[in-house]
């Protein structure tokens, strides 16, 4: 849990990410992050992500509530799906639970809940 804007809790059930015809992540240990009026973001533990499909990006962004995010593209058969994954390797203390977890843009991937 964090300041009044963000709450983090375990995401119930099994979560799967598909991109470019492949399963990129599957976890029953994901986290659910609620931030203001934004859609819920599901964060996957790195151990549950097929990191071999991810290409490091030079893109960075900073959130005043979470810290600096870095990005990955997903290597798909049709080419790299640029900046489709983000992570906070060293988030602010208020959201330390997401350190090293990865989240996926739902307009670039399919995130499913079972």
N, C-alpha and C. Protein backbone atom coordinates (compact mmCIF):
# COMPACT_ATOMS: atom_id res chain seq x y z
N UNK A 1 0.85 -1.17 0.00
CA UNK A 1 0.00 0.00 0.00
C UNK A 1 0.89 1.23 0.00
N UNK A 2 0.29 2.35 -0.40
CA UNK A 2 1.11 3.54 -0.61
C UNK A 2 0.37 4.76 -0.10
N UNK A 3 0.68 5.90 -0.74
CA UNK A 3 -0.04 7.11 -0.39
C UNK A 3 -1.51 6.94 -0.82
N UNK A 4 -2.29 7.98 -0.70
CA UNK A 4 -3.72 7.89 -0.98
C UNK A 4 -4.03 7.61 -2.44
N UNK A 5 -3.10 7.82 -3.34
CA UNK A 5 -3.35 7.63 -4.76
C UNK A 5 -3.19 6.19 -5.22
N UNK A 6 -2.34 5.42 -4.57
CA UNK A 6 -1.98 4.10 -5.07
C UNK A 6 -2.23 3.03 -4.01
N UNK A 7 -2.84 1.93 -4.45
CA UNK A 7 -2.94 0.75 -3.59
C UNK A 7 -2.43 -0.45 -4.39
N UNK A 8 -1.79 -1.36 -3.69
CA UNK A 8 -1.24 -2.57 -4.30
C UNK A 8 -1.74 -3.75 -3.48
N UNK A 9 -2.23 -4.78 -4.19
CA UNK A 9 -2.67 -6.00 -3.52
C UNK A 9 -2.42 -7.19 -4.44
N UNK A 10 -2.40 -8.40 -3.88
CA UNK A 10 -2.25 -9.57 -4.75
C UNK A 10 -3.40 -9.63 -5.75
N UNK A 11 -3.07 -9.99 -6.99
CA UNK A 11 -4.09 -10.17 -8.03
C UNK A 11 -4.55 -11.62 -7.95
N UNK A 12 -5.83 -11.84 -7.73
CA UNK A 12 -6.33 -13.19 -7.57
C UNK A 12 -6.37 -13.93 -8.90
N UNK A 13 -6.21 -15.24 -8.84
CA UNK A 13 -6.31 -16.07 -10.03
C UNK A 13 -5.03 -16.13 -10.82
N UNK A 14 -5.15 -16.68 -12.03
CA UNK A 14 -4.02 -16.83 -12.94
C UNK A 14 -4.10 -15.75 -14.01
N UNK A 15 -2.98 -15.12 -14.31
CA UNK A 15 -2.90 -14.05 -15.30
C UNK A 15 -1.95 -14.47 -16.42
N UNK A 16 -2.32 -14.16 -17.65
CA UNK A 16 -1.53 -14.52 -18.82
C UNK A 16 -1.40 -13.30 -19.72
N UNK A 17 -0.20 -13.12 -20.29
CA UNK A 17 0.04 -12.07 -21.30
C UNK A 17 0.40 -12.76 -22.60
N UNK A 18 -0.30 -12.35 -23.68
CA UNK A 18 -0.02 -12.85 -25.02
C UNK A 18 0.37 -11.68 -25.91
N UNK A 19 1.36 -11.94 -26.76
CA UNK A 19 1.79 -10.92 -27.73
C UNK A 19 2.43 -11.62 -28.91
N UNK A 20 2.10 -11.18 -30.10
CA UNK A 20 2.72 -11.74 -31.29
C UNK A 20 2.54 -13.24 -31.41
N UNK A 21 1.43 -13.78 -30.92
CA UNK A 21 1.16 -15.20 -31.02
C UNK A 21 1.82 -16.06 -29.97
N UNK A 22 2.48 -15.46 -28.99
CA UNK A 22 3.18 -16.23 -27.96
C UNK A 22 2.71 -15.83 -26.57
N UNK A 23 2.83 -16.75 -25.64
CA UNK A 23 2.58 -16.43 -24.23
C UNK A 23 3.88 -15.83 -23.69
N UNK A 24 3.79 -14.59 -23.22
CA UNK A 24 4.96 -13.86 -22.74
C UNK A 24 5.09 -13.97 -21.22
N UNK A 25 3.96 -14.07 -20.54
CA UNK A 25 3.98 -14.17 -19.08
C UNK A 25 2.78 -14.98 -18.61
N UNK A 26 2.98 -15.70 -17.52
CA UNK A 26 1.88 -16.42 -16.88
C UNK A 26 2.19 -16.51 -15.40
N UNK A 27 1.24 -16.08 -14.57
CA UNK A 27 1.51 -16.03 -13.14
C UNK A 27 0.25 -16.13 -12.30
N UNK A 28 0.39 -16.78 -11.16
CA UNK A 28 -0.65 -16.72 -10.14
C UNK A 28 -0.11 -15.96 -8.92
N UNK A 29 0.98 -15.21 -9.16
CA UNK A 29 1.59 -14.38 -8.11
C UNK A 29 1.69 -12.92 -8.54
N UNK A 30 0.80 -12.49 -9.42
CA UNK A 30 0.82 -11.11 -9.91
C UNK A 30 0.30 -10.15 -8.84
N UNK A 31 0.61 -8.88 -9.04
CA UNK A 31 0.11 -7.82 -8.17
C UNK A 31 -0.82 -6.91 -8.96
N UNK A 32 -1.79 -6.36 -8.27
CA UNK A 32 -2.77 -5.45 -8.85
C UNK A 32 -2.50 -4.05 -8.29
N UNK A 33 -2.21 -3.09 -9.17
CA UNK A 33 -1.91 -1.74 -8.72
C UNK A 33 -3.04 -0.81 -9.18
N UNK A 34 -3.66 -0.15 -8.21
CA UNK A 34 -4.71 0.84 -8.48
C UNK A 34 -4.11 2.22 -8.24
N UNK A 35 -4.21 3.08 -9.25
CA UNK A 35 -3.68 4.44 -9.14
C UNK A 35 -4.71 5.43 -9.65
N UNK A 36 -5.33 6.14 -8.73
CA UNK A 36 -6.30 7.17 -9.10
C UNK A 36 -7.35 6.65 -10.06
N UNK A 37 -7.56 7.38 -11.15
CA UNK A 37 -8.56 7.03 -12.14
C UNK A 37 -8.00 6.19 -13.29
N UNK A 38 -6.72 5.80 -13.20
CA UNK A 38 -6.13 4.97 -14.26
C UNK A 38 -6.69 3.56 -14.20
N UNK A 39 -6.68 2.85 -15.34
CA UNK A 39 -7.07 1.43 -15.30
C UNK A 39 -6.11 0.65 -14.40
N UNK A 40 -6.60 -0.41 -13.81
CA UNK A 40 -5.77 -1.26 -12.95
C UNK A 40 -4.60 -1.80 -13.78
N UNK A 41 -3.42 -1.78 -13.20
CA UNK A 41 -2.23 -2.35 -13.85
C UNK A 41 -1.87 -3.64 -13.13
N UNK A 42 -1.65 -4.70 -13.91
CA UNK A 42 -1.23 -5.98 -13.35
C UNK A 42 0.29 -6.08 -13.52
N UNK A 43 0.96 -6.36 -12.42
CA UNK A 43 2.42 -6.48 -12.41
C UNK A 43 2.80 -7.94 -12.19
N UNK A 44 3.67 -8.44 -13.07
CA UNK A 44 4.09 -9.84 -13.06
C UNK A 44 5.49 -9.97 -12.48
N UNK A 45 5.70 -10.98 -11.61
CA UNK A 45 7.07 -11.22 -11.14
C UNK A 45 7.97 -11.58 -12.32
N UNK A 46 9.17 -11.09 -12.31
CA UNK A 46 10.11 -11.33 -13.40
C UNK A 46 10.28 -12.83 -13.67
N UNK A 47 10.26 -13.66 -12.62
CA UNK A 47 10.45 -15.11 -12.81
C UNK A 47 9.32 -15.74 -13.61
N UNK A 48 8.19 -15.06 -13.74
CA UNK A 48 7.04 -15.59 -14.47
C UNK A 48 6.90 -14.99 -15.88
N UNK A 49 7.93 -14.27 -16.32
CA UNK A 49 7.93 -13.62 -17.64
C UNK A 49 9.02 -14.27 -18.50
N UNK A 50 8.68 -14.52 -19.75
CA UNK A 50 9.66 -15.08 -20.70
C UNK A 50 10.60 -13.95 -21.14
N UNK A 51 11.60 -13.69 -20.33
CA UNK A 51 12.50 -12.56 -20.55
C UNK A 51 13.25 -12.67 -21.88
N UNK A 52 13.38 -13.87 -22.43
CA UNK A 52 14.07 -14.05 -23.72
C UNK A 52 13.35 -13.32 -24.85
N UNK A 53 12.05 -13.04 -24.68
CA UNK A 53 11.28 -12.32 -25.69
C UNK A 53 11.41 -10.80 -25.56
N UNK A 54 12.02 -10.32 -24.48
CA UNK A 54 12.05 -8.88 -24.22
C UNK A 54 13.39 -8.27 -24.64
N UNK A 55 13.28 -7.11 -25.28
CA UNK A 55 14.45 -6.33 -25.69
C UNK A 55 14.46 -5.03 -24.90
N UNK A 56 15.57 -4.73 -24.25
CA UNK A 56 15.70 -3.50 -23.47
C UNK A 56 15.53 -2.29 -24.37
N UNK A 57 14.81 -1.30 -23.88
CA UNK A 57 14.57 -0.05 -24.60
C UNK A 57 15.35 1.07 -23.92
N UNK A 58 15.62 2.13 -24.67
CA UNK A 58 16.27 3.31 -24.08
C UNK A 58 15.25 4.23 -23.40
N UNK A 59 13.97 3.96 -23.61
CA UNK A 59 12.93 4.84 -23.06
C UNK A 59 12.91 4.77 -21.53
N UNK A 60 12.69 5.92 -20.92
CA UNK A 60 12.54 6.06 -19.47
C UNK A 60 11.42 7.06 -19.22
N UNK A 61 10.77 6.93 -18.10
CA UNK A 61 9.80 7.93 -17.67
C UNK A 61 9.85 8.01 -16.15
N UNK A 62 9.33 9.09 -15.61
CA UNK A 62 9.33 9.27 -14.16
C UNK A 62 7.92 9.56 -13.69
N UNK A 63 7.51 8.83 -12.68
CA UNK A 63 6.22 9.04 -12.02
C UNK A 63 6.50 9.62 -10.64
N UNK A 64 5.82 10.69 -10.24
CA UNK A 64 6.09 11.27 -8.93
C UNK A 64 5.72 10.34 -7.77
N UNK A 65 4.91 9.31 -8.04
CA UNK A 65 4.45 8.40 -6.99
C UNK A 65 5.18 7.06 -6.99
N UNK A 66 5.79 6.70 -8.14
CA UNK A 66 6.43 5.39 -8.24
C UNK A 66 7.93 5.47 -8.51
N UNK A 67 8.40 6.53 -9.13
CA UNK A 67 9.81 6.66 -9.44
C UNK A 67 10.09 6.51 -10.93
N UNK A 68 11.31 6.07 -11.27
CA UNK A 68 11.71 5.96 -12.68
C UNK A 68 11.36 4.58 -13.24
N UNK A 69 10.69 4.59 -14.39
CA UNK A 69 10.35 3.35 -15.09
C UNK A 69 11.29 3.16 -16.26
N UNK A 70 11.65 1.92 -16.52
CA UNK A 70 12.37 1.56 -17.74
C UNK A 70 11.45 0.64 -18.54
N UNK A 71 11.79 0.48 -19.83
CA UNK A 71 10.88 -0.19 -20.76
C UNK A 71 11.57 -1.30 -21.54
N UNK A 72 10.73 -2.20 -22.06
CA UNK A 72 11.17 -3.28 -22.94
C UNK A 72 10.24 -3.32 -24.14
N UNK A 73 10.78 -3.79 -25.25
CA UNK A 73 9.97 -4.18 -26.39
C UNK A 73 9.84 -5.69 -26.37
N UNK A 74 8.82 -6.20 -27.04
CA UNK A 74 8.63 -7.64 -27.14
C UNK A 74 9.03 -8.08 -28.55
N UNK A 75 9.96 -9.03 -28.63
CA UNK A 75 10.39 -9.57 -29.92
C UNK A 75 9.35 -10.57 -30.40
N UNK A 76 8.60 -10.18 -31.43
CA UNK A 76 7.55 -11.03 -32.00
C UNK A 76 7.96 -11.44 -33.41
N UNK A 77 7.28 -12.42 -33.96
CA UNK A 77 7.58 -12.89 -35.32
C UNK A 77 7.50 -11.75 -36.33
N UNK A 78 6.55 -10.84 -36.12
CA UNK A 78 6.34 -9.74 -37.07
C UNK A 78 7.24 -8.53 -36.80
N UNK A 79 8.07 -8.60 -35.77
CA UNK A 79 8.95 -7.49 -35.42
C UNK A 79 8.81 -7.15 -33.94
N UNK A 80 9.56 -6.17 -33.51
CA UNK A 80 9.54 -5.77 -32.09
C UNK A 80 8.31 -4.91 -31.82
N UNK A 81 7.59 -5.25 -30.77
CA UNK A 81 6.48 -4.43 -30.29
C UNK A 81 7.10 -3.46 -29.29
N UNK A 82 7.42 -2.27 -29.77
CA UNK A 82 8.22 -1.30 -29.01
C UNK A 82 7.55 -0.85 -27.71
N UNK A 83 8.36 -0.71 -26.67
CA UNK A 83 7.95 -0.10 -25.41
C UNK A 83 6.60 -0.62 -24.93
N UNK A 84 6.43 -1.93 -24.95
CA UNK A 84 5.15 -2.53 -24.57
C UNK A 84 5.14 -3.05 -23.14
N UNK A 85 6.28 -2.97 -22.47
CA UNK A 85 6.44 -3.47 -21.10
C UNK A 85 7.18 -2.41 -20.29
N UNK A 86 6.75 -2.22 -19.05
CA UNK A 86 7.50 -1.30 -18.18
C UNK A 86 7.78 -1.95 -16.84
N UNK A 87 8.80 -1.42 -16.17
CA UNK A 87 9.19 -1.93 -14.86
C UNK A 87 9.78 -0.80 -14.03
N UNK A 88 9.66 -0.94 -12.74
CA UNK A 88 10.32 -0.04 -11.78
C UNK A 88 11.33 -0.89 -11.02
N UNK A 89 12.58 -0.82 -11.45
CA UNK A 89 13.63 -1.63 -10.81
C UNK A 89 13.91 -1.16 -9.39
N UNK A 90 13.83 0.14 -9.16
CA UNK A 90 14.09 0.71 -7.84
C UNK A 90 13.00 1.75 -7.56
N UNK A 91 11.76 1.29 -7.32
CA UNK A 91 10.67 2.24 -7.11
C UNK A 91 10.81 2.99 -5.78
N UNK A 92 10.02 4.02 -5.65
CA UNK A 92 9.99 4.75 -4.38
C UNK A 92 9.53 3.80 -3.27
N UNK A 93 9.95 4.09 -2.04
CA UNK A 93 9.63 3.21 -0.91
C UNK A 93 8.14 2.93 -0.76
N UNK A 94 7.30 3.90 -1.10
CA UNK A 94 5.86 3.74 -0.92
C UNK A 94 5.27 2.63 -1.79
N UNK A 95 5.98 2.25 -2.87
CA UNK A 95 5.49 1.19 -3.77
C UNK A 95 6.55 0.11 -3.97
N UNK A 96 7.35 -0.12 -2.95
CA UNK A 96 8.48 -1.05 -3.06
C UNK A 96 8.05 -2.46 -3.46
N UNK A 97 6.78 -2.83 -3.27
CA UNK A 97 6.31 -4.17 -3.63
C UNK A 97 6.46 -4.47 -5.11
N UNK A 98 6.47 -3.44 -5.98
CA UNK A 98 6.55 -3.68 -7.42
C UNK A 98 7.98 -3.70 -7.95
N UNK A 99 8.95 -3.60 -7.08
CA UNK A 99 10.36 -3.61 -7.52
C UNK A 99 10.64 -4.86 -8.34
N UNK A 100 11.12 -4.65 -9.56
CA UNK A 100 11.48 -5.77 -10.41
C UNK A 100 10.32 -6.46 -11.10
N UNK A 101 9.10 -6.11 -10.78
CA UNK A 101 7.93 -6.67 -11.46
C UNK A 101 7.77 -5.96 -12.80
N UNK A 102 7.07 -6.61 -13.73
CA UNK A 102 6.84 -6.03 -15.05
C UNK A 102 5.35 -5.92 -15.32
N UNK A 103 4.97 -4.86 -16.02
CA UNK A 103 3.58 -4.66 -16.41
C UNK A 103 3.54 -4.43 -17.92
N UNK A 104 2.41 -4.75 -18.52
CA UNK A 104 2.27 -4.77 -19.98
C UNK A 104 1.17 -3.83 -20.43
N UNK A 105 1.43 -3.06 -21.48
CA UNK A 105 0.41 -2.18 -22.05
C UNK A 105 -0.66 -3.04 -22.71
N UNK A 106 -1.90 -2.82 -22.31
CA UNK A 106 -3.00 -3.64 -22.83
C UNK A 106 -3.42 -3.25 -24.25
N UNK A 107 -2.91 -2.12 -24.75
CA UNK A 107 -3.19 -1.79 -26.16
C UNK A 107 -2.15 -2.39 -27.09
N UNK A 108 -1.10 -3.01 -26.52
CA UNK A 108 -0.04 -3.63 -27.33
C UNK A 108 0.06 -5.13 -27.09
N UNK A 109 -0.57 -5.60 -26.02
CA UNK A 109 -0.59 -7.02 -25.66
C UNK A 109 -1.99 -7.38 -25.21
N UNK A 110 -2.20 -8.67 -24.99
CA UNK A 110 -3.47 -9.14 -24.41
C UNK A 110 -3.18 -9.65 -23.03
N UNK A 111 -3.81 -9.07 -22.03
CA UNK A 111 -3.64 -9.49 -20.64
C UNK A 111 -4.95 -10.16 -20.22
N UNK A 112 -4.85 -11.45 -19.86
CA UNK A 112 -6.05 -12.24 -19.56
C UNK A 112 -6.02 -12.74 -18.12
N UNK A 113 -7.21 -12.85 -17.54
CA UNK A 113 -7.38 -13.33 -16.18
C UNK A 113 -8.20 -14.60 -16.20
N UNK A 114 -7.71 -15.64 -15.54
CA UNK A 114 -8.43 -16.93 -15.49
C UNK A 114 -8.75 -17.30 -14.05
